[in-house]
Amino acid sequence: MFLLFSLGLEFSIKKLAQVGMPALIAGVTEIIVMIWLGYYIGAFFGWSTMDSLFLGAMLAISSTTIIIKALEGLNLKKEAFAKLIFGILIIEDILAIAILVLLTGIATSGTVSTAAVFSTLGELTLFIVVSLVVGILTVPRLLNYIDSFKSHEMLLVSVLGLLFGFCLLVIKLNYSMALGAFLIGAIIAESRQVKKIEHLIEPIRDMFSAIFFVAIGLLFNPSVLIDYALPIVIITLAVVVGKVISCSTGAFLAGQDAKTSVKVGMGLAQIGEFSFIIASLGVALKVTSEFLYPIAVAVAAITTLLTPYLIRYSDASSSKLALLLPNKMKQVGSAYTLWLQSIQPQGDNVIIARMIRRIIIHALVNFALVIAIFLMSAYFANVLEKYIPEVLRHEGLEKAVIWSGALLVSLPFLIAAYRKLKALSMLLAEMSVSPEKAGQYTMPVRKMISEVIPIMAVFVILVLVSALSSSILPPTKWMWAVVLLFSLLIPLLWSRFVKLHSRLQIALMETLDDEDKAH
């Protein structure tokens, strides 16, 4: 937890965005290849289908803790390839949740629910987006206030409280504590006190890191090396070779140069703590054999020992590999890199592409906040229903009040999403309809196109609000009263809602762009 928190402190939201797509492509490539490879290794040894499937999942996720510690010990955390490795590890942690859901479904029912997997990923993405937005708006300001007392002890205790509290919330939501620690670290990284916090947290982090590695050592049983020597050797080779090839290939496909791709692959060639979680799940569900957990620990221990050496010699290895590669393969690689560069937007198109991407991201973030508001309102309504005495209830009045409150709080974000999509429609209309082609119909056609997306946006908003509020919708008589009230309020308060959202957006951007911070 402390290691991932420290990583978050050094990895700002902007840095996450910079490695986003390459990390996603490389991470997904690695996971698919390693699950397939692990499954067929299990089948080769004649293990059961569940043993083989769990083995594949165990090999898919690299050890965030071990990699961070190795890069830190070698003073390589600030290198370009290390930043990409961190991005891939974050993608892995997110997808690991989906893997756990998938394995649990297969183990308990013998089948997998695709809807459950996508639902879990959707909920996880929503949680991450809302946590980052709300956290960046509130936490840096809270830390500014605490720091005004000029007390290092108070600042340290407050930061620890935020860390433990947020990780507790994440665990209650059945997500990875590692993910929670990283997220709160990334949020606190946007504060002006980030360097001071890093200095205060360092001794505590180092102490618990030592305890963590001692605990992993205590899980290791040397006799397993003898009893399952051949499977351990083959699986260890599969982890190292498979991850180097799959991660390097994924990074190269994402546009990284060959040298960086190889260094990324060699940095991720191990398994660790998440493999133990997957192995423990199989034992708890009683679907895997007893030997699988000791094998996981043995392979993790061996690959952990190899990790610092693989990272240290990755630079030399990538250089030697470049010399050994045939010229035709180098030419193909160069041609692919040039092709990727050629399909990138150029000139004015770069600005337009950025504008479109920014508008879409802003609209999606606003929709995410609306979804979160209604989900929290539904949860609040369920809790309220349990504790309000029957005598105090009034034929759906409680639901009418909660639904109205959720809609009122959501309005600034719904209006902002509508305005963003309207701006997008006008931009697309301007780009897609030129006077040379449309002639005298240019303006009418542009106007028609610019109206289509906002109308669709209104429809999506209505469907979204209806679906989210299904559990807290008031009875019909209250419903019409609330709808009438809001139809009168929205035109009157429209400009105020716009101003409120603008202030929140400015506050968010100011925090992200604060020049006083030194990452």
Foldseek 3Di string as FASTA:
>chain_A
DLLLLLVLLVQAPVLLVVLPQLLLLLLVLQLVLQQVVQLVLCVVVVHDNLLSNLRSLQLSAFDPLLLSVLCVVVVNCPPPLNSNLVSNNLSRQLVNLLVVQQSVCCLPPVDGDPVVSVVSSVVVVLVLLVCQLVLLLPVLVVLVVQCVVVDLVSSQVVLVCQLVVQLVVCVVVVGDSSNSSSSNSNSNSLHQCSVVNSVSSVVVSVVVSVVVVVVLVVLADVVLCVVPVPSLVVSLCCLLVSQLVSSLVSSLLSQDDNLSSNLNSLLRRAGDDSSLVSVVVCVVSVNGDPSSNNSSSSSRVVVSVCNSVSNVCSNVVSVVVVVVDDPVVVVVSVVSNVVVVVPDDDDPRNVVVVLLVVLVVLLVSLLSVLLVLLLVLLVVVVVCVVPDDPVPDDQLPVLLVSLLVSCVVSVLSLLSSLVSQLVVQLSVLPVPADCVPCPPCSVVSSVVSSVPRSVVSVVVVVVSSCVSSVSSQGPPVSNVVSVVVVVVVCVVCVVVSPVVVVVSVVSSVCSSPVPSHDD
